[in-house]
Amino acid sequence: MSSGDPKDALPNPMPISVLDSVNTDAETLARRFVRVTQRQPNGLVAFEFSVGWPDMSVELVLPEEQFNEFCLKNKVEFLTNAVGEKLGDQSHDEY
């Protein structure tokens, strides 16, 4: 039977995970990375953007002018294709 204490209603603490050991200091999280994956004839730039760690990214597409503004605003570090290969980049033609 419950004692009525609100702490009794809380679930058990989350187990320690890999994310608990990830370096999340302000200096790491302040780093922004961009790797251009394609420049299209219609002026769009396809690129990967990541915060803190270059191996965890999202794919984005912006017109060139907005891409340049985005990069300036985020003070990005540009990654080369060689870095992408080291991070395990695979051809998107498979999809």
Protein backbone atom coordinates (compact mmCIF):
# COMPACT_ATOMS: atom_id res chain seq x y z
CA MET A 1 0.00 0.00 0.00
CA SER A 2 1.26 3.50 -0.87
CA SER A 3 2.37 5.79 1.95
CA GLY A 4 0.89 8.82 0.19
CA ASP A 5 4.34 10.31 -0.25
CA PRO A 6 4.63 11.84 -3.80
CA LYS A 7 8.10 10.29 -4.13
CA ASP A 8 6.47 6.86 -4.04
CA ALA A 9 4.62 7.69 -7.28
CA LEU A 10 7.80 8.50 -9.21
CA PRO A 11 9.22 5.79 -11.45
CA ASN A 12 12.63 4.34 -10.71
CA PRO A 13 15.52 6.51 -11.90
CA MET A 14 16.64 6.00 -15.48
CA PRO A 15 19.50 3.54 -15.85
CA ILE A 16 22.92 4.92 -16.72
CA SER A 17 23.30 5.03 -20.47
CA VAL A 18 25.89 5.91 -23.08
CA LEU A 19 24.43 9.42 -23.27
CA ASP A 20 25.27 9.99 -19.61
CA SER A 21 28.94 9.80 -20.51
CA VAL A 22 28.75 12.07 -23.59
CA ASN A 23 30.65 15.31 -23.21
CA THR A 24 27.97 18.01 -23.11
CA ASP A 25 30.02 20.96 -21.92
CA ALA A 26 29.26 24.41 -23.35
CA GLU A 27 32.38 24.44 -25.52
CA THR A 28 31.40 21.19 -27.26
CA LEU A 29 27.78 22.25 -27.74
CA ALA A 30 28.88 25.61 -29.18
CA ARG A 31 30.55 23.91 -32.15
CA ARG A 32 28.54 23.75 -35.38
CA PHE A 33 29.51 21.68 -38.41
CA VAL A 34 28.41 21.76 -42.06
CA ARG A 35 29.31 19.39 -44.86
CA VAL A 36 28.01 20.31 -48.31
CA THR A 37 26.73 17.18 -50.04
CA GLN A 38 25.37 18.69 -53.26
CA ARG A 39 25.01 21.98 -55.10
CA GLN A 40 22.04 21.77 -57.42
CA PRO A 41 21.71 23.61 -60.77
CA ASN A 42 18.64 25.47 -59.45
CA GLY A 43 20.76 27.15 -56.74
CA LEU A 44 19.85 24.88 -53.83
CA VAL A 45 22.57 23.63 -51.50
CA ALA A 46 22.11 20.25 -49.81
CA PHE A 47 24.16 19.84 -46.65
CA GLU A 48 24.53 18.05 -43.35
CA PHE A 49 24.38 20.17 -40.19
CA SER A 50 25.45 19.03 -36.75
CA VAL A 51 25.81 20.54 -33.28
CA GLY A 52 28.59 19.40 -30.97
CA TRP A 53 29.49 16.17 -32.76
CA PRO A 54 29.98 15.94 -36.53
CA ASP A 55 28.87 12.30 -36.61
CA MET A 56 25.26 13.15 -35.61
CA SER A 57 23.71 15.38 -38.27
CA VAL A 58 20.52 16.36 -40.04
CA GLU A 59 20.23 16.85 -43.78
CA LEU A 60 19.01 20.26 -44.92
CA VAL A 61 18.50 22.07 -48.22
CA LEU A 62 18.54 25.85 -48.60
CA PRO A 63 18.90 28.34 -51.44
CA GLU A 64 22.56 29.47 -51.69
CA GLU A 65 21.96 32.92 -50.18
CA GLN A 66 20.11 31.52 -47.16
CA PHE A 67 22.74 28.77 -46.83
CA ASN A 68 25.48 31.41 -46.62
CA GLU A 69 23.51 33.37 -43.99
CA PHE A 70 22.84 30.17 -42.03
CA CYS A 71 26.56 29.34 -41.99
CA LEU A 72 27.56 32.83 -40.88
CA LYS A 73 24.91 32.99 -38.16
CA ASN A 74 25.90 29.57 -36.78
CA LYS A 75 29.66 30.18 -37.15
CA VAL A 76 30.03 26.75 -38.70
CA GLU A 77 33.14 24.69 -39.25
CA PHE A 78 33.10 23.19 -42.74
CA LEU A 79 33.82 19.48 -43.03
CA THR A 80 35.36 17.90 -46.10
CA ASN A 81 34.18 14.79 -47.94
CA ALA A 82 37.18 12.96 -46.46
CA VAL A 83 35.80 13.64 -42.99
CA GLY A 84 32.40 12.36 -44.12
CA GLU A 85 33.97 9.12 -45.28
CA LYS A 86 35.71 8.69 -41.92
CA LEU A 87 32.38 9.27 -40.17
CA GLY A 88 30.87 6.43 -42.15
CA ASP A 89 29.07 8.40 -44.85
CA GLN A 90 27.30 6.10 -47.28
CA SER A 91 25.87 6.88 -50.67
CA HIS A 92 22.25 7.99 -50.51
CA ASP A 93 21.64 6.25 -53.87
CA GLU A 94 20.76 3.13 -51.85
CA TYR A 95 17.59 4.66 -50.46
